[in-house]
Amino acid sequence: PLLYGTSCCFIEFASLIGSRFDFDRYGLVPRSSPRQADLILTAGTVTMKMAPSLVRLYEQMPE
């Protein structure tokens, strides 16, 4: 998945990467590029100003 955090809610996603909730063992490998990701996890408020960049990331994902 591609992790997309826009505010303080992204701190909750940081715990997923740690050893307690290690989501690597479930096959969820964090990706840094939308071209490699098949899922976008969005945390926080998506404002009108941020919406075009989020749509651009979504369009770069593979079908």
N, C-alpha and C. Protein backbone atom coordinates (compact mmCIF):
# COMPACT_ATOMS: atom_id res chain seq x y z
N PRO A 1 0.82 -1.20 0.00
CA PRO A 1 0.00 0.00 0.00
C PRO A 1 0.86 1.26 0.00
N LEU A 2 0.29 2.30 -0.50
CA LEU A 2 0.91 3.62 -0.47
C LEU A 2 0.27 4.38 0.69
N LEU A 3 1.08 4.80 1.65
CA LEU A 3 0.56 5.52 2.81
C LEU A 3 0.55 7.01 2.51
N TYR A 4 -0.62 7.64 2.63
CA TYR A 4 -0.79 9.06 2.32
C TYR A 4 -1.40 9.73 3.54
N GLY A 5 -0.58 10.45 4.28
CA GLY A 5 -1.06 11.12 5.48
C GLY A 5 -0.98 12.62 5.35
N THR A 6 -2.04 13.30 5.76
CA THR A 6 -2.08 14.75 5.60
C THR A 6 -2.13 15.50 6.92
N SER A 7 -2.33 14.85 8.03
CA SER A 7 -2.40 15.56 9.30
C SER A 7 -1.96 14.63 10.43
N CYS A 8 -2.37 14.95 11.62
CA CYS A 8 -1.93 14.18 12.78
C CYS A 8 -2.45 12.75 12.77
N CYS A 9 -3.44 12.43 11.98
CA CYS A 9 -3.97 11.06 11.91
C CYS A 9 -2.95 10.08 11.34
N PHE A 10 -1.94 10.58 10.66
CA PHE A 10 -0.93 9.71 10.08
C PHE A 10 -0.10 9.02 11.16
N ILE A 11 -0.08 9.57 12.37
CA ILE A 11 0.65 8.95 13.47
C ILE A 11 0.11 7.55 13.75
N GLU A 12 -1.19 7.36 13.55
CA GLU A 12 -1.79 6.04 13.76
C GLU A 12 -1.24 5.03 12.76
N PHE A 13 -0.93 5.46 11.54
CA PHE A 13 -0.35 4.56 10.56
C PHE A 13 1.08 4.18 10.92
N ALA A 14 1.77 5.04 11.62
CA ALA A 14 3.15 4.74 12.00
C ALA A 14 3.22 3.50 12.88
N SER A 15 2.19 3.25 13.67
CA SER A 15 2.19 2.05 14.51
C SER A 15 2.05 0.77 13.69
N LEU A 16 1.47 0.85 12.50
CA LEU A 16 1.34 -0.33 11.64
C LEU A 16 2.69 -0.84 11.16
N ILE A 17 3.63 0.07 11.00
CA ILE A 17 4.94 -0.30 10.49
C ILE A 17 5.80 -0.92 11.58
N GLY A 18 5.51 -0.61 12.84
CA GLY A 18 6.28 -1.12 13.96
C GLY A 18 6.11 -2.61 14.18
N SER A 19 6.83 -3.13 15.15
CA SER A 19 6.85 -4.58 15.37
C SER A 19 5.57 -5.11 16.02
N ARG A 20 4.81 -4.27 16.72
CA ARG A 20 3.61 -4.77 17.39
C ARG A 20 2.51 -5.14 16.40
N PHE A 21 2.28 -4.29 15.40
CA PHE A 21 1.23 -4.54 14.42
C PHE A 21 1.81 -4.88 13.05
N ASP A 22 3.03 -5.28 12.99
CA ASP A 22 3.80 -5.55 11.78
C ASP A 22 2.94 -6.06 10.62
N PHE A 23 2.57 -5.17 9.70
CA PHE A 23 1.70 -5.60 8.61
C PHE A 23 2.46 -6.20 7.45
N ASP A 24 3.78 -6.31 7.56
CA ASP A 24 4.56 -7.02 6.54
C ASP A 24 4.23 -8.51 6.53
N ARG A 25 3.92 -9.06 7.67
CA ARG A 25 3.62 -10.50 7.72
C ARG A 25 2.30 -10.85 7.06
N TYR A 26 1.45 -9.86 6.81
CA TYR A 26 0.20 -10.09 6.09
C TYR A 26 0.33 -9.81 4.60
N GLY A 27 1.54 -9.52 4.16
CA GLY A 27 1.77 -9.28 2.75
C GLY A 27 1.60 -7.83 2.33
N LEU A 28 1.43 -6.93 3.28
CA LEU A 28 1.29 -5.51 2.98
C LEU A 28 2.66 -4.84 3.09
N VAL A 29 3.31 -4.67 1.96
CA VAL A 29 4.63 -4.07 1.93
C VAL A 29 4.48 -2.61 1.53
N PRO A 30 4.90 -1.66 2.39
CA PRO A 30 4.74 -0.25 2.04
C PRO A 30 5.58 0.12 0.82
N ARG A 31 5.00 0.87 -0.07
CA ARG A 31 5.67 1.29 -1.30
C ARG A 31 5.84 2.80 -1.29
N SER A 32 6.90 3.27 -1.91
CA SER A 32 7.13 4.71 -1.98
C SER A 32 6.65 5.31 -3.28
N SER A 33 6.29 4.48 -4.23
CA SER A 33 5.85 4.95 -5.53
C SER A 33 4.43 4.45 -5.81
N PRO A 34 3.56 5.31 -6.31
CA PRO A 34 2.20 4.84 -6.63
C PRO A 34 2.18 3.84 -7.78
N ARG A 35 3.21 3.81 -8.58
CA ARG A 35 3.27 2.85 -9.70
C ARG A 35 3.49 1.42 -9.22
N GLN A 36 3.96 1.26 -7.99
CA GLN A 36 4.18 -0.07 -7.42
C GLN A 36 3.08 -0.48 -6.45
N ALA A 37 2.22 0.45 -6.08
CA ALA A 37 1.20 0.19 -5.06
C ALA A 37 -0.12 -0.25 -5.68
N ASP A 38 -0.86 -1.06 -4.94
CA ASP A 38 -2.18 -1.46 -5.39
C ASP A 38 -3.28 -0.97 -4.44
N LEU A 39 -2.88 -0.19 -3.44
CA LEU A 39 -3.82 0.32 -2.44
C LEU A 39 -3.28 1.63 -1.89
N ILE A 40 -4.15 2.62 -1.71
CA ILE A 40 -3.77 3.87 -1.06
C ILE A 40 -4.51 3.93 0.27
N LEU A 41 -3.76 4.04 1.35
CA LEU A 41 -4.34 4.25 2.67
C LEU A 41 -4.21 5.73 2.99
N THR A 42 -5.34 6.41 3.11
CA THR A 42 -5.35 7.85 3.33
C THR A 42 -5.75 8.14 4.77
N ALA A 43 -4.93 8.92 5.46
CA ALA A 43 -5.23 9.31 6.84
C ALA A 43 -5.23 10.82 6.92
N GLY A 44 -6.24 11.35 7.56
CA GLY A 44 -6.31 12.79 7.74
C GLY A 44 -7.36 13.42 6.84
N THR A 45 -7.40 14.71 6.90
CA THR A 45 -8.38 15.48 6.15
C THR A 45 -7.86 15.76 4.75
N VAL A 46 -8.65 15.44 3.76
CA VAL A 46 -8.30 15.75 2.37
C VAL A 46 -9.04 17.04 2.01
N THR A 47 -8.29 18.10 1.88
CA THR A 47 -8.88 19.40 1.56
C THR A 47 -8.96 19.57 0.04
N MET A 48 -9.65 20.61 -0.37
CA MET A 48 -9.77 20.90 -1.81
C MET A 48 -8.40 21.20 -2.42
N LYS A 49 -7.50 21.75 -1.62
CA LYS A 49 -6.17 22.07 -2.11
C LYS A 49 -5.32 20.81 -2.32
N MET A 50 -5.54 19.78 -1.50
CA MET A 50 -4.78 18.54 -1.59
C MET A 50 -5.41 17.53 -2.54
N ALA A 51 -6.67 17.70 -2.89
CA ALA A 51 -7.39 16.73 -3.72
C ALA A 51 -6.74 16.50 -5.07
N PRO A 52 -6.28 17.52 -5.80
CA PRO A 52 -5.65 17.25 -7.10
C PRO A 52 -4.40 16.37 -7.00
N SER A 53 -3.60 16.54 -5.95
CA SER A 53 -2.41 15.70 -5.82
C SER A 53 -2.79 14.26 -5.48
N LEU A 54 -3.84 14.07 -4.70
CA LEU A 54 -4.30 12.72 -4.38
C LEU A 54 -4.87 12.03 -5.61
N VAL A 55 -5.61 12.76 -6.42
CA VAL A 55 -6.14 12.21 -7.68
C VAL A 55 -5.00 11.85 -8.62
N ARG A 56 -3.96 12.67 -8.67
CA ARG A 56 -2.80 12.39 -9.52
C ARG A 56 -2.10 11.11 -9.07
N LEU A 57 -1.97 10.92 -7.76
CA LEU A 57 -1.37 9.68 -7.25
C LEU A 57 -2.23 8.47 -7.61
N TYR A 58 -3.54 8.62 -7.50
CA TYR A 58 -4.45 7.52 -7.84
C TYR A 58 -4.34 7.16 -9.32
N GLU A 59 -4.23 8.16 -10.17
CA GLU A 59 -4.14 7.90 -11.62
C GLU A 59 -2.82 7.25 -12.00
N GLN A 60 -1.79 7.40 -11.19
CA GLN A 60 -0.49 6.78 -11.48
C GLN A 60 -0.44 5.32 -11.05
N MET A 61 -1.43 4.87 -10.31
CA MET A 61 -1.44 3.48 -9.86
C MET A 61 -1.77 2.55 -11.02
N PRO A 62 -1.23 1.32 -11.00
CA PRO A 62 -1.56 0.37 -12.07
C PRO A 62 -3.02 -0.06 -11.99
N GLU A 63 -3.54 -0.51 -13.11
CA GLU A 63 -4.95 -0.94 -13.17
C GLU A 63 -5.17 -2.22 -12.42
